N, C-alpha and C. Protein backbone atom coordinates (compact mmCIF):
# COMPACT_ATOMS: atom_id res chain seq x y z
N UNK A 1 -246.91 163.53 210.34
CA UNK A 1 -246.33 163.31 208.53
C UNK A 1 -244.88 162.95 208.55
N UNK A 2 -244.09 162.75 208.53
CA UNK A 2 -242.31 162.80 208.17
C UNK A 2 -242.24 163.34 207.07
N UNK A 3 -240.75 163.79 207.59
CA UNK A 3 -240.12 164.70 206.81
C UNK A 3 -240.30 164.16 205.12
N UNK A 4 -239.58 162.81 204.85
CA UNK A 4 -240.09 162.48 203.85
C UNK A 4 -241.62 162.62 203.27
N UNK A 5 -242.58 162.32 203.36
CA UNK A 5 -243.78 162.42 203.13
C UNK A 5 -244.34 163.83 203.21
N UNK A 6 -244.11 164.89 203.75
CA UNK A 6 -243.48 166.34 203.75
C UNK A 6 -243.48 167.25 202.29
N UNK A 7 -242.23 166.63 202.29
CA UNK A 7 -241.33 167.06 200.99
C UNK A 7 -242.18 166.13 200.08
N UNK A 8 -242.52 165.12 199.59
CA UNK A 8 -243.22 163.92 198.82
C UNK A 8 -243.91 164.75 198.63
N UNK A 9 -245.27 165.27 199.37
CA UNK A 9 -246.66 165.86 198.75
C UNK A 9 -246.24 167.01 198.30
N UNK A 10 -245.67 167.48 199.09
CA UNK A 10 -245.83 169.07 199.37
C UNK A 10 -245.54 169.33 197.36
N UNK A 11 -244.18 168.58 197.07
CA UNK A 11 -243.53 168.68 195.91
C UNK A 11 -244.70 168.08 194.80
N UNK A 12 -244.94 167.05 194.73
CA UNK A 12 -245.91 167.11 194.27
C UNK A 12 -247.55 168.08 193.98
N UNK A 13 -247.91 168.31 194.89
CA UNK A 13 -248.82 169.39 194.80
C UNK A 13 -248.41 170.77 194.55
N UNK A 14 -247.08 170.63 194.17
CA UNK A 14 -246.71 172.25 193.66
C UNK A 14 -246.23 171.98 191.60
N UNK A 15 -246.38 170.10 191.77
CA UNK A 15 -246.00 169.88 190.46
C UNK A 15 -244.40 170.49 189.95
N UNK A 16 -243.75 169.84 190.57
CA UNK A 16 -241.94 170.42 190.61
C UNK A 16 -241.31 169.24 191.03
N UNK A 17 -240.75 168.66 190.09
CA UNK A 17 -239.79 167.21 190.19
C UNK A 17 -238.49 167.66 190.99
N UNK A 18 -238.19 166.22 191.42
CA UNK A 18 -237.19 166.10 192.18
C UNK A 18 -235.80 166.84 191.93
N UNK A 19 -236.18 167.25 190.33
CA UNK A 19 -234.70 167.69 189.88
C UNK A 19 -234.69 169.23 189.75
N UNK A 20 -236.32 169.63 189.45
CA UNK A 20 -236.18 171.08 189.64
C UNK A 20 -235.80 171.73 191.30
N UNK A 21 -236.55 170.71 192.34
CA UNK A 21 -236.09 171.13 193.50
C UNK A 21 -234.96 171.00 193.99
N UNK A 22 -234.01 169.72 193.35
CA UNK A 22 -232.89 169.72 193.61
C UNK A 22 -231.88 171.29 192.88
N UNK A 23 -232.35 171.78 191.61
CA UNK A 23 -231.73 172.82 191.14
C UNK A 23 -231.92 174.11 192.13
N UNK A 24 -232.99 174.48 192.65
CA UNK A 24 -233.59 175.29 193.21
C UNK A 24 -232.96 175.15 194.45
N UNK A 25 -232.66 174.38 195.10
CA UNK A 25 -231.87 174.35 196.42
C UNK A 25 -230.00 173.91 196.21
N UNK A 26 -229.85 173.79 195.19
CA UNK A 26 -228.47 173.69 194.76
C UNK A 26 -227.97 172.37 195.58
N UNK A 27 -228.65 171.07 195.29
CA UNK A 27 -228.50 169.97 195.75
C UNK A 27 -228.24 169.01 194.57
N UNK A 28 -228.21 167.70 194.79
CA UNK A 28 -228.67 166.85 193.55
C UNK A 28 -230.05 166.01 194.09
N UNK A 29 -230.41 165.63 192.73
CA UNK A 29 -231.46 164.80 192.25
C UNK A 29 -231.66 163.34 193.55
N UNK A 30 -230.43 163.07 193.76
CA UNK A 30 -230.27 162.03 194.55
C UNK A 30 -230.51 162.37 195.32
N UNK A 31 -229.88 163.37 196.46
CA UNK A 31 -230.33 163.54 197.61
C UNK A 31 -231.58 164.72 198.06
N UNK A 32 -232.38 164.67 197.20
CA UNK A 32 -233.46 164.91 197.34
C UNK A 32 -234.26 163.62 197.33
N UNK A 33 -234.14 162.89 196.69
CA UNK A 33 -234.72 161.19 196.54
C UNK A 33 -234.43 160.44 197.53
N UNK A 34 -233.17 160.61 198.42
CA UNK A 34 -232.88 160.08 199.85
C UNK A 34 -233.86 160.69 200.58
N UNK A 35 -234.00 161.61 200.45
CA UNK A 35 -234.68 162.77 201.57
C UNK A 35 -237.36 162.02 201.88
N UNK A 36 -236.92 161.85 200.03
CA UNK A 36 -238.01 161.33 200.26
C UNK A 36 -238.19 160.35 200.23
N UNK A 37 -237.45 159.57 200.02
CA UNK A 37 -237.70 157.75 200.63
C UNK A 37 -237.52 157.76 201.76
N UNK A 38 -237.21 158.59 202.73
CA UNK A 38 -236.77 158.57 204.46
C UNK A 38 -235.30 157.87 204.39
N UNK A 39 -234.62 157.69 203.62
CA UNK A 39 -232.77 157.46 204.05
C UNK A 39 -232.06 157.83 204.82
N UNK A 40 -232.56 159.46 204.43
CA UNK A 40 -231.76 160.59 204.94
C UNK A 40 -233.32 161.09 205.77
N UNK A 41 -232.77 161.84 207.23
CA UNK A 41 -233.70 163.13 207.52
C UNK A 41 -232.91 164.28 207.63
N UNK A 42 -233.30 165.20 206.94
CA UNK A 42 -233.15 166.21 207.41
C UNK A 42 -233.50 167.29 208.36
N UNK A 43 -232.12 168.38 208.51
CA UNK A 43 -232.35 168.77 209.47
C UNK A 43 -233.66 169.95 209.50
N UNK A 44 -234.42 170.21 210.62
CA UNK A 44 -235.08 171.51 210.60
C UNK A 44 -234.82 172.49 209.71
N UNK A 45 -234.33 173.66 209.55
CA UNK A 45 -233.43 174.15 208.75
C UNK A 45 -233.69 173.60 207.23
N UNK A 46 -233.22 172.44 207.23
CA UNK A 46 -232.71 172.04 205.26
C UNK A 46 -234.34 171.57 205.49
N UNK A 47 -235.24 171.44 205.94
CA UNK A 47 -236.53 170.84 205.83
C UNK A 47 -237.57 172.14 205.03
N UNK A 48 -237.11 173.09 206.37
CA UNK A 48 -237.57 174.68 206.30
C UNK A 48 -237.23 175.37 204.82
N UNK A 49 -235.66 175.13 204.52
CA UNK A 49 -235.25 175.67 203.24
C UNK A 49 -236.03 174.90 201.86
N UNK A 50 -236.04 173.61 201.98
CA UNK A 50 -236.86 172.89 200.59
C UNK A 50 -238.03 173.68 200.46
N UNK A 51 -239.06 173.32 201.79
CA UNK A 51 -240.30 173.54 201.47
C UNK A 51 -240.19 175.33 201.72
N UNK A 52 -239.82 176.46 201.80
CA UNK A 52 -239.06 177.53 201.14
C UNK A 52 -239.19 177.70 199.64
N UNK A 53 -238.38 176.90 199.16
CA UNK A 53 -237.88 176.80 197.53
C UNK A 53 -239.41 176.14 196.67
N UNK A 54 -240.34 175.78 197.69
CA UNK A 54 -241.37 175.40 196.41
C UNK A 54 -242.90 176.32 197.27
N UNK A 55 -242.01 177.84 197.81
CA UNK A 55 -243.49 178.51 198.24
C UNK A 55 -243.80 178.26 199.55
N UNK A 56 -243.31 177.26 200.23
CA UNK A 56 -244.05 177.01 201.33
C UNK A 56 -243.87 178.15 202.78
N UNK A 57 -243.93 178.07 204.23
CA UNK A 57 -243.38 177.95 205.12
C UNK A 57 -243.24 176.61 206.25
N UNK A 58 -242.35 176.62 207.48
CA UNK A 58 -242.55 175.45 207.68
C UNK A 58 -243.38 175.45 209.32
N UNK A 59 -243.73 175.40 209.92
CA UNK A 59 -244.10 176.28 211.02
C UNK A 59 -244.28 174.71 211.83
N UNK A 60 -243.91 174.81 213.18
CA UNK A 60 -243.67 173.82 214.00
C UNK A 60 -244.31 174.31 215.17
N UNK A 61 -245.37 173.25 215.92
CA UNK A 61 -246.07 173.47 217.31
C UNK A 61 -245.98 172.37 217.94
N UNK A 62 -246.44 172.54 219.76
CA UNK A 62 -246.02 171.05 220.56
C UNK A 62 -247.17 172.32 221.08
N UNK A 63 -247.76 170.80 221.89
CA UNK A 63 -249.12 170.42 222.42
C UNK A 63 -248.73 169.65 223.16
N UNK A 64 -249.40 169.68 225.02
CA UNK A 64 -248.91 168.67 225.82
C UNK A 64 -249.47 167.08 225.25
N UNK A 65 -249.45 166.32 226.10
CA UNK A 65 -249.81 164.81 225.51
C UNK A 65 -251.01 164.52 226.47
N UNK A 66 -251.96 163.90 226.29
CA UNK A 66 -252.79 163.61 226.63
C UNK A 66 -252.79 163.14 228.61
N UNK A 67 -251.39 163.10 228.82
CA UNK A 67 -251.05 162.50 230.09
C UNK A 67 -249.68 163.07 230.88
N UNK A 68 -249.19 163.91 229.75
CA UNK A 68 -247.96 165.30 230.79
C UNK A 68 -247.45 164.23 230.87
N UNK A 69 -246.47 164.42 231.25
CA UNK A 69 -244.64 163.70 231.49
C UNK A 69 -244.99 162.56 232.19
N UNK A 70 -245.84 161.81 233.04
CA UNK A 70 -245.34 161.19 234.06
C UNK A 70 -246.29 159.90 233.86
N UNK A 71 -245.82 159.12 234.33
CA UNK A 71 -245.98 157.35 234.08
C UNK A 71 -247.06 157.08 235.04
N UNK A 72 -248.02 156.35 234.99
CA UNK A 72 -248.75 155.73 236.02
C UNK A 72 -247.59 155.37 237.31
N UNK A 73 -247.31 155.14 236.83
CA UNK A 73 -246.00 154.72 238.63
C UNK A 73 -246.24 155.71 239.00
N UNK A 74 -245.41 156.68 238.54
CA UNK A 74 -245.46 158.31 239.09
C UNK A 74 -246.63 158.51 239.80
N UNK A 75 -247.78 158.50 239.25
CA UNK A 75 -249.11 159.46 239.22
C UNK A 75 -249.24 158.43 240.24
N UNK A 76 -249.17 157.10 240.99
CA UNK A 76 -249.30 156.55 241.66
C UNK A 76 -248.89 156.67 243.16
N UNK A 77 -247.20 156.97 242.83
CA UNK A 77 -245.94 157.15 244.09
C UNK A 77 -246.66 158.82 244.40
N UNK A 78 -246.96 159.53 243.43
CA UNK A 78 -247.41 161.03 243.80
C UNK A 78 -248.98 160.71 244.66
N UNK A 79 -249.71 160.11 244.39
CA UNK A 79 -251.00 159.66 245.28
C UNK A 79 -251.15 159.65 246.84
N UNK A 80 -249.74 158.83 246.58
CA UNK A 80 -249.26 158.32 247.88
C UNK A 80 -248.57 158.98 249.21
N UNK A 81 -248.28 160.00 248.82
CA UNK A 81 -247.89 161.15 249.53
C UNK A 81 -248.94 161.77 251.09
N UNK A 82 -248.24 162.22 251.55
CA UNK A 82 -249.56 162.63 252.25
C UNK A 82 -249.64 164.28 251.89
N UNK A 83 -250.80 165.10 252.26
CA UNK A 83 -250.11 166.44 251.85
C UNK A 83 -249.19 167.19 252.38
N UNK A 84 -248.66 166.99 253.71
CA UNK A 84 -247.40 167.57 253.64
C UNK A 84 -246.20 166.91 253.41
N UNK A 85 -246.61 166.06 252.43
CA UNK A 85 -245.31 165.87 251.45
C UNK A 85 -244.93 166.29 250.40
N UNK A 86 -246.48 166.45 249.82
CA UNK A 86 -247.00 166.90 248.95
C UNK A 86 -246.59 168.66 248.60
N UNK A 87 -246.65 168.82 249.84
CA UNK A 87 -246.20 170.78 250.00
C UNK A 87 -244.15 170.78 250.07
N UNK A 88 -243.68 169.76 250.94
CA UNK A 88 -242.73 169.86 250.79
C UNK A 88 -241.74 169.29 249.51
N UNK A 89 -242.69 168.32 248.67
CA UNK A 89 -242.20 167.94 246.79
C UNK A 89 -242.52 169.49 246.04
N UNK A 90 -243.84 170.16 246.26
CA UNK A 90 -243.65 171.23 245.53
C UNK A 90 -243.14 172.42 245.91
N UNK A 91 -242.54 172.28 247.03
CA UNK A 91 -241.01 173.10 247.36
C UNK A 91 -240.43 173.48 246.52
N UNK A 92 -239.14 172.42 247.00
CA UNK A 92 -237.93 171.35 246.11
C UNK A 92 -238.39 171.86 244.43
N UNK A 93 -239.43 171.21 244.45
CA UNK A 93 -239.57 171.86 242.66
C UNK A 93 -239.99 173.44 242.40
N UNK A 94 -240.62 174.63 243.57
CA UNK A 94 -240.29 175.29 242.92
C UNK A 94 -239.16 176.15 243.15
N UNK A 95 -238.16 175.42 244.38
CA UNK A 95 -236.98 176.07 244.13
C UNK A 95 -236.04 175.58 242.85
N UNK A 96 -236.27 174.43 242.92
CA UNK A 96 -235.58 173.83 241.47
C UNK A 96 -235.57 174.98 240.05
N UNK A 97 -237.25 175.14 239.89
CA UNK A 97 -237.54 176.06 238.60
C UNK A 97 -237.27 177.48 238.70
N UNK A 98 -236.91 178.09 240.30
CA UNK A 98 -236.17 179.46 240.04
C UNK A 98 -235.08 179.54 240.23
N UNK A 99 -233.93 178.52 240.48
CA UNK A 99 -232.89 178.70 239.77
C UNK A 99 -232.33 178.24 238.50
N UNK A 100 -233.35 177.58 237.93
CA UNK A 100 -233.18 177.56 236.99
C UNK A 100 -233.62 178.82 235.69
N UNK A 101 -234.52 179.03 236.40
CA UNK A 101 -234.82 180.82 235.49
C UNK A 101 -234.22 181.44 235.88
N UNK A 102 -232.88 181.36 236.82
CA UNK A 102 -231.84 182.41 237.12
C UNK A 102 -230.68 181.84 236.84
N UNK A 103 -230.78 180.98 235.76
CA UNK A 103 -229.29 180.33 235.17
C UNK A 103 -228.45 179.56 236.53
N UNK A 104 -228.84 179.12 237.41
CA UNK A 104 -228.02 178.37 238.32
C UNK A 104 -228.72 177.26 238.62
N UNK A 105 -227.63 175.92 239.05
CA UNK A 105 -228.16 174.44 238.66
C UNK A 105 -228.80 174.11 240.15
N UNK A 106 -228.18 175.33 241.30
CA UNK A 106 -228.87 175.04 242.73
C UNK A 106 -229.06 175.88 243.57
N UNK A 107 -229.96 175.78 244.61
CA UNK A 107 -230.34 176.49 245.42
C UNK A 107 -229.34 176.93 246.27
N UNK A 108 -229.63 178.21 246.15
CA UNK A 108 -228.40 179.23 246.97
C UNK A 108 -228.61 180.21 246.81
């Protein structure tokens, strides 16, 4: 659901007019209209603020997609590696992740 649809349906559910929501949020009815039409995309903070003005709380979540973040070409390339090459690749990834978690950008 888009931000526009979320604001529009939430406002309708609470029987709040665009003008009422605008007054509650110290903005203009025209700005609420632009958001609901999708002409402007509100930030997450603005979206949460608008929903909060109607007694709602914004909840965001993320979940892995069905194929992770690899393309088919990436998977084919990885499947062509020998077991030894896969171990080297895993070790390099481990070093990189360790460096990132320690706030470094390189090994060492």
